């Protein structure tokens, strides 16, 4: 009988130890799940920020490209105007020279 009681106490003690381990494992699981949730939210937030930043950069790049194209057109137009003025200037000199003689 004492041997049975000793085994019973041993198993009861072992059950308490196993129960404590189970509770610690569940607490660790809950803690890990919370960390995972926080990390998932952070990842989602960072992905949203990246998406907004990417769209902003794409818009800025598009605007700068349009501005650069406009400036190139303006520069080409001014270059053509300068060339036209250079061509007209010698013509005016030629016209004035014969009149001076």
PDB file of N, CA and C in Angstrom:
ATOM      1  N   UNK A   1       0.822  -1.182   0.000  1.00  0.00           N
ATOM      2  CA  UNK A   1       0.000   0.000   0.000  1.00  0.00           C
ATOM      3  C   UNK A   1       0.876   1.258   0.000  1.00  0.00           C
ATOM      4  N   UNK A   2       1.900   1.280   0.813  1.00  0.00           N
ATOM      5  CA  UNK A   2       2.788   2.446   0.846  1.00  0.00           C
ATOM      6  C   UNK A   2       3.465   2.635  -0.507  1.00  0.00           C
ATOM      7  N   UNK A   3       3.777   1.533  -1.134  1.00  0.00           N
ATOM      8  CA  UNK A   3       4.417   1.626  -2.448  1.00  0.00           C
ATOM      9  C   UNK A   3       3.446   2.256  -3.449  1.00  0.00           C
ATOM     10  N   UNK A   4       2.191   1.916  -3.380  1.00  0.00           N
ATOM     11  CA  UNK A   4       1.173   2.485  -4.266  1.00  0.00           C
ATOM     12  C   UNK A   4       1.006   3.971  -3.980  1.00  0.00           C
ATOM     13  N   UNK A   5       1.007   4.341  -2.708  1.00  0.00           N
ATOM     14  CA  UNK A   5       0.885   5.759  -2.346  1.00  0.00           C
ATOM     15  C   UNK A   5       2.114   6.540  -2.813  1.00  0.00           C
ATOM     16  N   UNK A   6       3.272   5.934  -2.696  1.00  0.00           N
ATOM     17  CA  UNK A   6       4.504   6.589  -3.145  1.00  0.00           C
ATOM     18  C   UNK A   6       4.464   6.811  -4.651  1.00  0.00           C
ATOM     19  N   UNK A   7       4.001   5.789  -5.381  1.00  0.00           N
ATOM     20  CA  UNK A   7       3.888   5.943  -6.829  1.00  0.00           C
ATOM     21  C   UNK A   7       2.866   7.020  -7.180  1.00  0.00           C
ATOM     22  N   UNK A   8       1.773   7.033  -6.424  1.00  0.00           N
ATOM     23  CA  UNK A   8       0.733   8.039  -6.659  1.00  0.00           C
ATOM     24  C   UNK A   8       1.291   9.435  -6.433  1.00  0.00           C
ATOM     25  N   UNK A   9       2.024   9.636  -5.350  1.00  0.00           N
ATOM     26  CA  UNK A   9       2.629  10.945  -5.067  1.00  0.00           C
ATOM     27  C   UNK A   9       3.642  11.311  -6.147  1.00  0.00           C
ATOM     28  N   UNK A  10       4.409  10.334  -6.575  1.00  0.00           N
ATOM     29  CA  UNK A  10       5.400  10.573  -7.635  1.00  0.00           C
ATOM     30  C   UNK A  10       4.701  11.009  -8.929  1.00  0.00           C
ATOM     31  N   UNK A  11       3.640  10.289  -9.318  1.00  0.00           N
ATOM     32  CA  UNK A  11       2.909  10.640 -10.537  1.00  0.00           C
ATOM     33  C   UNK A  11       2.222  12.001 -10.404  1.00  0.00           C
ATOM     34  N   UNK A  12       1.707  12.283  -9.201  1.00  0.00           N
ATOM     35  CA  UNK A  12       1.063  13.575  -8.958  1.00  0.00           C
ATOM     36  C   UNK A  12       2.094  14.695  -9.092  1.00  0.00           C
ATOM     37  N   UNK A  13       3.254  14.484  -8.513  1.00  0.00           N
ATOM     38  CA  UNK A  13       4.328  15.471  -8.614  1.00  0.00           C
ATOM     39  C   UNK A  13       4.750  15.650 -10.073  1.00  0.00           C
ATOM     40  N   UNK A  14       4.868  14.532 -10.776  1.00  0.00           N
ATOM     41  CA  UNK A  14       5.245  14.592 -12.189  1.00  0.00           C
ATOM     42  C   UNK A  14       4.172  15.326 -13.002  1.00  0.00           C
ATOM     43  N   UNK A  15       2.914  15.092 -12.672  1.00  0.00           N
ATOM     44  CA  UNK A  15       1.813  15.794 -13.361  1.00  0.00           C
ATOM     45  C   UNK A  15       1.898  17.301 -13.123  1.00  0.00           C
ATOM     46  N   UNK A  16       2.207  17.708 -11.886  1.00  0.00           N
ATOM     47  CA  UNK A  16       2.350  19.140 -11.580  1.00  0.00           C
ATOM     48  C   UNK A  16       3.500  19.745 -12.385  1.00  0.00           C
ATOM     49  N   UNK A  17       4.618  19.030 -12.447  1.00  0.00           N
ATOM     50  CA  UNK A  17       5.777  19.510 -13.211  1.00  0.00           C
ATOM     51  C   UNK A  17       5.411  19.625 -14.686  1.00  0.00           C
ATOM     52  N   UNK A  18       4.761  18.593 -15.224  1.00  0.00           N
ATOM     53  CA  UNK A  18       4.347  18.622 -16.631  1.00  0.00           C
ATOM     54  C   UNK A  18       3.337  19.742 -16.887  1.00  0.00           C
ATOM     55  N   UNK A  19       2.440  19.957 -15.929  1.00  0.00           N
ATOM     56  CA  UNK A  19       1.455  21.036 -16.062  1.00  0.00           C
ATOM     57  C   UNK A  19       2.156  22.392 -16.095  1.00  0.00           C
ATOM     58  N   UNK A  20       3.155  22.570 -15.225  1.00  0.00           N
ATOM     59  CA  UNK A  20       3.918  23.827 -15.226  1.00  0.00           C
ATOM     60  C   UNK A  20       4.634  24.014 -16.562  1.00  0.00           C
ATOM     61  N   UNK A  21       5.243  22.947 -17.081  1.00  0.00           N
ATOM     62  CA  UNK A  21       5.919  23.026 -18.381  1.00  0.00           C
ATOM     63  C   UNK A  21       4.929  23.373 -19.491  1.00  0.00           C
ATOM     64  N   UNK A  22       3.737  22.759 -19.408  1.00  0.00           N
ATOM     65  CA  UNK A  22       2.700  23.043 -20.402  1.00  0.00           C
ATOM     66  C   UNK A  22       2.282  24.512 -20.332  1.00  0.00           C
ATOM     67  N   UNK A  23       2.089  25.026 -19.130  1.00  0.00           N
ATOM     68  CA  UNK A  23       1.702  26.432 -18.965  1.00  0.00           C
ATOM     69  C   UNK A  23       2.803  27.366 -19.481  1.00  0.00           C
ATOM     70  N   UNK A  24       4.054  27.028 -19.178  1.00  0.00           N
ATOM     71  CA  UNK A  24       5.167  27.849 -19.672  1.00  0.00           C
ATOM     72  C   UNK A  24       5.232  27.797 -21.196  1.00  0.00           C
ATOM     73  N   UNK A  25       4.998  26.618 -21.768  1.00  0.00           N
ATOM     74  CA  UNK A  25       5.011  26.481 -23.227  1.00  0.00           C
ATOM     75  C   UNK A  25       3.869  27.281 -23.848  1.00  0.00           C
ATOM     76  N   UNK A  26       2.680  27.244 -23.218  1.00  0.00           N
ATOM     77  CA  UNK A  26       1.542  28.023 -23.728  1.00  0.00           C
ATOM     78  C   UNK A  26       1.823  29.521 -23.628  1.00  0.00           C
ATOM     79  N   UNK A  27       2.426  29.941 -22.507  1.00  0.00           N
ATOM     80  CA  UNK A  27       2.787  31.357 -22.359  1.00  0.00           C
ATOM     81  C   UNK A  27       3.797  31.770 -23.424  1.00  0.00           C
ATOM     82  N   UNK A  28       4.778  30.907 -23.652  1.00  0.00           N
ATOM     83  CA  UNK A  28       5.790  31.186 -24.682  1.00  0.00           C
ATOM     84  C   UNK A  28       5.127  31.241 -26.059  1.00  0.00           C
ATOM     85  N   UNK A  29       4.185  30.332 -26.303  1.00  0.00           N
ATOM     86  CA  UNK A  29       3.472  30.326 -27.578  1.00  0.00           C
ATOM     87  C   UNK A  29       2.679  31.625 -27.747  1.00  0.00           C
ATOM     88  N   UNK A  30       1.984  32.049 -26.697  1.00  0.00           N
ATOM     89  CA  UNK A  30       1.218  33.302 -26.763  1.00  0.00           C
ATOM     90  C   UNK A  30       2.137  34.494 -26.998  1.00  0.00           C
ATOM     91  N   UNK A  31       3.256  34.496 -26.284  1.00  0.00           N
ATOM     92  CA  UNK A  31       4.226  35.576 -26.450  1.00  0.00           C
ATOM     93  C   UNK A  31       4.767  35.595 -27.878  1.00  0.00           C
ATOM     94  N   UNK A  32       5.100  34.420 -28.382  1.00  0.00           N
ATOM     95  CA  UNK A  32       5.619  34.327 -29.756  1.00  0.00           C
ATOM     96  C   UNK A  32       4.557  34.742 -30.767  1.00  0.00           C
ATOM     97  N   UNK A  33       3.306  34.366 -30.524  1.00  0.00           N
ATOM     98  CA  UNK A  33       2.216  34.750 -31.425  1.00  0.00           C
ATOM     99  C   UNK A  33       2.033  36.266 -31.421  1.00  0.00           C
ATOM    100  N   UNK A  34       2.130  36.875 -30.233  1.00  0.00           N
ATOM    101  CA  UNK A  34       2.022  38.334 -30.148  1.00  0.00           C
ATOM    102  C   UNK A  34       3.160  39.012 -30.909  1.00  0.00           C
ATOM    103  N   UNK A  35       4.368  38.497 -30.742  1.00  0.00           N
ATOM    104  CA  UNK A  35       5.513  39.048 -31.470  1.00  0.00           C
ATOM    105  C   UNK A  35       5.324  38.895 -32.975  1.00  0.00           C
ATOM    106  N   UNK A  36       4.797  37.748 -33.383  1.00  0.00           N
ATOM    107  CA  UNK A  36       4.525  37.510 -34.798  1.00  0.00           C
ATOM    108  C   UNK A  36       3.481  38.493 -35.322  1.00  0.00           C
ATOM    109  N   UNK A  37       2.438  38.739 -34.537  1.00  0.00           N
ATOM    110  CA  UNK A  37       1.404  39.696 -34.943  1.00  0.00           C
ATOM    111  C   UNK A  37       1.977  41.102 -35.083  1.00  0.00           C
ATOM    112  N   UNK A  38       2.794  41.498 -34.115  1.00  0.00           N
ATOM    113  CA  UNK A  38       3.421  42.820 -34.170  1.00  0.00           C
ATOM    114  C   UNK A  38       4.332  42.917 -35.391  1.00  0.00           C
ATOM    115  N   UNK A  39       5.106  41.873 -35.623  1.00  0.00           N
ATOM    116  CA  UNK A  39       6.009  41.865 -36.782  1.00  0.00           C
ATOM    117  C   UNK A  39       5.226  41.912 -38.087  1.00  0.00           C
ATOM    118  N   UNK A  40       4.128  41.180 -38.157  1.00  0.00           N
ATOM    119  CA  UNK A  40       3.292  41.191 -39.365  1.00  0.00           C
ATOM    120  C   UNK A  40       2.700  42.572 -39.608  1.00  0.00           C
ATOM    121  N   UNK A  41       2.257  43.224 -38.541  1.00  0.00           N
ATOM    122  CA  UNK A  41       1.720  44.583 -38.678  1.00  0.00           C
ATOM    123  C   UNK A  41       2.805  45.544 -39.140  1.00  0.00           C
ATOM    124  N   UNK A  42       3.996  45.393 -38.591  1.00  0.00           N
ATOM    125  CA  UNK A  42       5.113  46.258 -38.977  1.00  0.00           C
ATOM    126  C   UNK A  42       5.468  46.034 -40.448  1.00  0.00           C
ATOM    127  N   UNK A  43       5.492  44.776 -40.870  1.00  0.00           N
ATOM    128  CA  UNK A  43       5.783  44.474 -42.274  1.00  0.00           C
ATOM    129  C   UNK A  43       4.731  45.109 -43.171  1.00  0.00           C
ATOM    130  N   UNK A  44       3.473  44.973 -42.789  1.00  0.00           N
ATOM    131  CA  UNK A  44       2.386  45.558 -43.579  1.00  0.00           C
ATOM    132  C   UNK A  44       2.530  47.078 -43.656  1.00  0.00           C
ATOM    133  N   UNK A  45       2.840  47.697 -42.525  1.00  0.00           N
ATOM    134  CA  UNK A  45       3.035  49.148 -42.485  1.00  0.00           C
ATOM    135  C   UNK A  45       4.200  49.560 -43.380  1.00  0.00           C
ATOM    136  N   UNK A  46       5.306  48.830 -43.301  1.00  0.00           N
ATOM    137  CA  UNK A  46       6.473  49.157 -44.121  1.00  0.00           C
ATOM    138  C   UNK A  46       6.187  48.951 -45.607  1.00  0.00           C
ATOM    139  N   UNK A  47       5.414  47.927 -45.939  1.00  0.00           N
ATOM    140  CA  UNK A  47       5.046  47.705 -47.340  1.00  0.00           C
ATOM    141  C   UNK A  47       4.171  48.846 -47.849  1.00  0.00           C
ATOM    142  N   UNK A  48       3.249  49.321 -47.002  1.00  0.00           N
ATOM    143  CA  UNK A  48       2.414  50.463 -47.380  1.00  0.00           C
ATOM    144  C   UNK A  48       3.273  51.706 -47.594  1.00  0.00           C
ATOM    145  N   UNK A  49       4.205  51.946 -46.677  1.00  0.00           N
ATOM    146  CA  UNK A  49       5.093  53.101 -46.809  1.00  0.00           C
ATOM    147  C   UNK A  49       5.937  52.998 -48.074  1.00  0.00           C
ATOM    148  N   UNK A  50       6.428  51.801 -48.355  1.00  0.00           N
ATOM    149  CA  UNK A  50       7.224  51.584 -49.559  1.00  0.00           C
ATOM    150  C   UNK A  50       6.395  51.859 -50.804  1.00  0.00           C
ATOM    151  N   UNK A  51       5.166  51.407 -50.792  1.00  0.00           N
ATOM    152  CA  UNK A  51       4.277  51.625 -51.933  1.00  0.00           C
ATOM    153  C   UNK A  51       4.026  53.118 -52.145  1.00  0.00           C
ATOM    154  N   UNK A  52       3.761  53.835 -51.071  1.00  0.00           N
ATOM    155  CA  UNK A  52       3.529  55.283 -51.162  1.00  0.00           C
ATOM    156  C   UNK A  52       4.791  55.989 -51.647  1.00  0.00           C
ATOM    157  N   UNK A  53       5.934  55.608 -51.096  1.00  0.00           N
ATOM    158  CA  UNK A  53       7.205  56.217 -51.502  1.00  0.00           C
ATOM    159  C   UNK A  53       7.497  55.926 -52.965  1.00  0.00           C
ATOM    160  N   UNK A  54       7.262  54.697 -53.391  1.00  0.00           N
ATOM    161  CA  UNK A  54       7.510  54.314 -54.787  1.00  0.00           C
ATOM    162  C   UNK A  54       6.628  55.142 -55.724  1.00  0.00           C
ATOM    163  N   UNK A  55       5.331  55.261 -55.379  1.00  0.00           N
ATOM    164  CA  UNK A  55       4.429  56.062 -56.221  1.00  0.00           C
ATOM    165  C   UNK A  55       4.877  57.517 -56.269  1.00  0.00           C
ATOM    166  N   UNK A  56       5.292  58.031 -55.129  1.00  0.00           N
ATOM    167  CA  UNK A  56       5.750  59.417 -55.071  1.00  0.00           C
ATOM    168  C   UNK A  56       6.978  59.618 -55.950  1.00  0.00           C
ATOM    169  N   UNK A  57       7.948  58.709 -55.849  1.00  0.00           N
ATOM    170  CA  UNK A  57       9.155  58.811 -56.673  1.00  0.00           C
ATOM    171  C   UNK A  57       8.827  58.678 -58.153  1.00  0.00           C
ATOM    172  N   UNK A  58       7.903  57.777 -58.484  1.00  0.00           N
ATOM    173  CA  UNK A  58       7.519  57.616 -59.886  1.00  0.00           C
ATOM    174  C   UNK A  58       6.868  58.892 -60.420  1.00  0.00           C
ATOM    175  N   UNK A  59       6.016  59.516 -59.594  1.00  0.00           N
ATOM    176  CA  UNK A  59       5.379  60.769 -60.000  1.00  0.00           C
ATOM    177  C   UNK A  59       6.425  61.869 -60.168  1.00  0.00           C
ATOM    178  N   UNK A  60       7.345  61.957 -59.218  1.00  0.00           N
ATOM    179  CA  UNK A  60       8.395  62.969 -59.307  1.00  0.00           C
ATOM    180  C   UNK A  60       9.265  62.741 -60.534  1.00  0.00           C
ATOM    181  N   UNK A  61       9.612  61.498 -60.797  1.00  0.00           N
ATOM    182  CA  UNK A  61      10.432  61.176 -61.959  1.00  0.00           C
ATOM    183  C   UNK A  61       9.695  61.524 -63.246  1.00  0.00           C
ATOM    184  N   UNK A  62       8.408  61.250 -63.278  1.00  0.00           N
ATOM    185  CA  UNK A  62       7.603  61.581 -64.450  1.00  0.00           C
ATOM    186  C   UNK A  62       7.568  63.096 -64.661  1.00  0.00           C
ATOM    187  N   UNK A  63       7.354  63.838 -63.579  1.00  0.00           N
ATOM    188  CA  UNK A  63       7.326  65.299 -63.683  1.00  0.00           C
ATOM    189  C   UNK A  63       8.681  65.846 -64.118  1.00  0.00           C
ATOM    190  N   UNK A  64       9.754  65.294 -63.563  1.00  0.00           N
ATOM    191  CA  UNK A  64      11.087  65.760 -63.952  1.00  0.00           C
ATOM    192  C   UNK A  64      11.371  65.415 -65.409  1.00  0.00           C
ATOM    193  N   UNK A  65      10.916  64.258 -65.862  1.00  0.00           N
ATOM    194  CA  UNK A  65      11.111  63.878 -67.264  1.00  0.00           C
ATOM    195  C   UNK A  65      10.359  64.827 -68.185  1.00  0.00           C
ATOM    196  N   UNK A  66       9.121  65.156 -67.814  1.00  0.00           N
ATOM    197  CA  UNK A  66       8.340  66.108 -68.604  1.00  0.00           C
ATOM    198  C   UNK A  66       9.023  67.474 -68.618  1.00  0.00           C
ATOM    199  N   UNK A  67       9.513  67.896 -67.457  1.00  0.00           N
ATOM    200  CA  UNK A  67      10.193  69.188 -67.369  1.00  0.00           C
ATOM    201  C   UNK A  67      11.458  69.179 -68.225  1.00  0.00           C
ATOM    202  N   UNK A  68      12.217  68.098 -68.162  1.00  0.00           N
ATOM    203  CA  UNK A  68      13.437  67.986 -68.955  1.00  0.00           C
ATOM    204  C   UNK A  68      13.115  68.021 -70.444  1.00  0.00           C
ATOM    205  N   UNK A  69      12.056  67.333 -70.849  1.00  0.00           N
ATOM    206  CA  UNK A  69      11.656  67.346 -72.258  1.00  0.00           C
ATOM    207  C   UNK A  69      11.262  68.758 -72.679  1.00  0.00           C
ATOM    208  N   UNK A  70      10.532  69.461 -71.824  1.00  0.00           N
ATOM    209  CA  UNK A  70      10.135  70.839 -72.128  1.00  0.00           C
ATOM    210  C   UNK A  70      11.365  71.741 -72.224  1.00  0.00           C
ATOM    211  N   UNK A  71      12.312  71.549 -71.315  1.00  0.00           N
ATOM    212  CA  UNK A  71      13.531  72.365 -71.350  1.00  0.00           C
ATOM    213  C   UNK A  71      14.348  72.053 -72.607  1.00  0.00           C
ATOM    214  N   UNK A  72      14.402  70.791 -73.014  1.00  0.00           N
ATOM    215  CA  UNK A  72      15.105  70.425 -74.247  1.00  0.00           C
ATOM    216  C   UNK A  72      14.444  71.070 -75.456  1.00  0.00           C
ATOM    217  N   UNK A  73      13.108  71.062 -75.479  1.00  0.00           N
ATOM    218  CA  UNK A  73      12.385  71.714 -76.574  1.00  0.00           C
ATOM    219  C   UNK A  73      12.684  73.211 -76.594  1.00  0.00           C
ATOM    220  N   UNK A  74      12.671  73.813 -75.422  1.00  0.00           N
ATOM    221  CA  UNK A  74      12.946  75.250 -75.327  1.00  0.00           C
ATOM    222  C   UNK A  74      14.378  75.545 -75.775  1.00  0.00           C
ATOM    223  N   UNK A  75      15.310  74.722 -75.346  1.00  0.00           N
ATOM    224  CA  UNK A  75      16.708  74.900 -75.729  1.00  0.00           C
ATOM    225  C   UNK A  75      16.880  74.745 -77.238  1.00  0.00           C
ATOM    226  N   UNK A  76      16.230  73.752 -77.817  1.00  0.00           N
ATOM    227  CA  UNK A  76      16.313  73.552 -79.268  1.00  0.00           C
ATOM    228  C   UNK A  76      15.715  74.744 -80.001  1.00  0.00           C
ATOM    229  N   UNK A  77      14.604  75.251 -79.492  1.00  0.00           N
ATOM    230  CA  UNK A  77      13.959  76.414 -80.102  1.00  0.00           C
ATOM    231  C   UNK A  77      14.872  77.638 -80.023  1.00  0.00           C
ATOM    232  N   UNK A  78      15.481  77.847 -78.882  1.00  0.00           N
ATOM    233  CA  UNK A  78      16.390  78.985 -78.723  1.00  0.00           C
ATOM    234  C   UNK A  78      17.620  78.823 -79.608  1.00  0.00           C
ATOM    235  N   UNK A  79      18.111  77.608 -79.731  1.00  0.00           N
ATOM    236  CA  UNK A  79      19.264  77.360 -80.597  1.00  0.00           C
ATOM    237  C   UNK A  79      18.900  77.675 -82.045  1.00  0.00           C
ATOM    238  N   UNK A  80      17.703  77.227 -82.472  1.00  0.00           N
ATOM    239  CA  UNK A  80      17.245  77.531 -83.832  1.00  0.00           C
ATOM    240  C   UNK A  80      17.117  79.038 -84.032  1.00  0.00           C
ATOM    241  N   UNK A  81      16.593  79.718 -83.037  1.00  0.00           N
ATOM    242  CA  UNK A  81      16.431  81.171 -83.130  1.00  0.00           C
ATOM    243  C   UNK A  81      17.789  81.859 -83.232  1.00  0.00           C
ATOM    244  N   UNK A  82      18.750  81.401 -82.454  1.00  0.00           N
ATOM    245  CA  UNK A  82      20.107  81.967 -82.514  1.00  0.00           C
ATOM    246  C   UNK A  82      20.713  81.726 -83.888  1.00  0.00           C
ATOM    247  N   UNK A  83      20.546  80.519 -84.419  1.00  0.00           N
ATOM    248  CA  UNK A  83      21.071  80.211 -85.752  1.00  0.00           C
ATOM    249  C   UNK A  83      20.412  81.098 -86.804  1.00  0.00           C
ATOM    250  N   UNK A  84      19.105  81.295 -86.693  1.00  0.00           N
ATOM    251  CA  UNK A  84      18.400  82.163 -87.642  1.00  0.00           C
ATOM    252  C   UNK A  84      18.907  83.598 -87.548  1.00  0.00           C
ATOM    253  N   UNK A  85      19.161  84.059 -86.336  1.00  0.00           N
ATOM    254  CA  UNK A  85      19.668  85.420 -86.159  1.00  0.00           C
ATOM    255  C   UNK A  85      21.082  85.546 -86.721  1.00  0.00           C
ATOM    256  N   UNK A  86      21.890  84.507 -86.554  1.00  0.00           N
ATOM    257  CA  UNK A  86      23.250  84.534 -87.109  1.00  0.00           C
ATOM    258  C   UNK A  86      23.203  84.599 -88.628  1.00  0.00           C
ATOM    259  N   UNK A  87      22.267  83.875 -89.208  1.00  0.00           N
ATOM    260  CA  UNK A  87      22.128  83.881 -90.668  1.00  0.00           C
ATOM    261  C   UNK A  87      21.638  85.243 -91.142  1.00  0.00           C
ATOM    262  N   UNK A  88      20.704  85.836 -90.452  1.00  0.00           N
ATOM    263  CA  UNK A  88      20.143  87.132 -90.844  1.00  0.00           C
ATOM    264  C   UNK A  88      21.143  88.259 -90.627  1.00  0.00           C
ATOM    265  N   UNK A  89      21.969  88.164 -89.623  1.00  0.00           N
ATOM    266  CA  UNK A  89      22.924  89.223 -89.301  1.00  0.00           C
ATOM    267  C   UNK A  89      23.919  89.454 -90.441  1.00  0.00           C
ATOM    268  N   UNK A  90      24.554  88.435 -90.989  1.00  0.00           N
ATOM    269  CA  UNK A  90      25.454  88.669 -92.125  1.00  0.00           C
ATOM    270  C   UNK A  90      24.704  89.214 -93.340  1.00  0.00           C
ATOM    271  N   UNK A  91      23.458  88.793 -93.531  1.00  0.00           N
ATOM    272  CA  UNK A  91      22.676  89.319 -94.649  1.00  0.00           C
ATOM    273  C   UNK A  91      22.477  90.817 -94.486  1.00  0.00           C
ATOM    274  N   UNK A  92      22.223  91.269 -93.272  1.00  0.00           N
ATOM    275  CA  UNK A  92      22.034  92.698 -93.031  1.00  0.00           C
ATOM    276  C   UNK A  92      23.330  93.449 -93.291  1.00  0.00           C
ATOM    277  N   UNK A  93      24.458  92.873 -92.905  1.00  0.00           N
ATOM    278  CA  UNK A  93      25.754  93.515 -93.144  1.00  0.00           C
ATOM    279  C   UNK A  93      26.005  93.626 -94.640  1.00  0.00           C
ATOM    280  N   UNK A  94      25.689  92.572 -95.369  1.00  0.00           N
ATOM    281  CA  UNK A  94      25.890  92.594 -96.819  1.00  0.00           C
ATOM    282  C   UNK A  94      25.022  93.665 -97.450  1.00  0.00           C
ATOM    283  N   UNK A  95      23.818  93.797 -96.939  1.00  0.00           N
ATOM    284  CA  UNK A  95      22.922  94.812 -97.489  1.00  0.00           C
ATOM    285  C   UNK A  95      23.417  96.213 -97.155  1.00  0.00           C
ATOM    286  N   UNK A  96      23.982  96.414 -95.980  1.00  0.00           N
ATOM    287  CA  UNK A  96      24.459  97.730 -95.568  1.00  0.00           C
ATOM    288  C   UNK A  96      25.754  98.093 -96.274  1.00  0.00           C
ATOM    289  N   UNK A  97      26.614  97.152 -96.523  1.00  0.00           N
ATOM    290  CA  UNK A  97      27.915  97.427 -97.131  1.00  0.00           C
ATOM    291  C   UNK A  97      27.798  98.046 -98.516  1.00  0.00           C
ATOM    292  N   UNK A  98      26.991  97.500 -99.392  1.00  0.00           N
ATOM    293  CA  UNK A  98      26.916  98.133-100.710  1.00  0.00           C
ATOM    294  C   UNK A  98      26.383  99.561-100.620  1.00  0.00           C
ATOM    295  N   UNK A  99      25.557  99.841 -99.688  1.00  0.00           N
ATOM    296  CA  UNK A  99      25.009 101.185 -99.554  1.00  0.00           C
ATOM    297  C   UNK A  99      26.029 102.174 -99.035  1.00  0.00           C
ATOM    298  N   UNK A 100      27.068 101.721 -98.372  1.00  0.00           N
ATOM    299  CA  UNK A 100      28.087 102.599 -97.823  1.00  0.00           C
ATOM    300  C   UNK A 100      29.041 103.076 -98.901  1.00  0.00           C
ATOM    301  N   UNK A 101      29.241 102.376 -99.979  1.00  0.00           N
ATOM    302  CA  UNK A 101      30.201 102.733-101.020  1.00  0.00           C
ATOM    303  C   UNK A 101      29.740 103.856-101.831  1.00  0.00           C
TER     304      UNK A 101
END
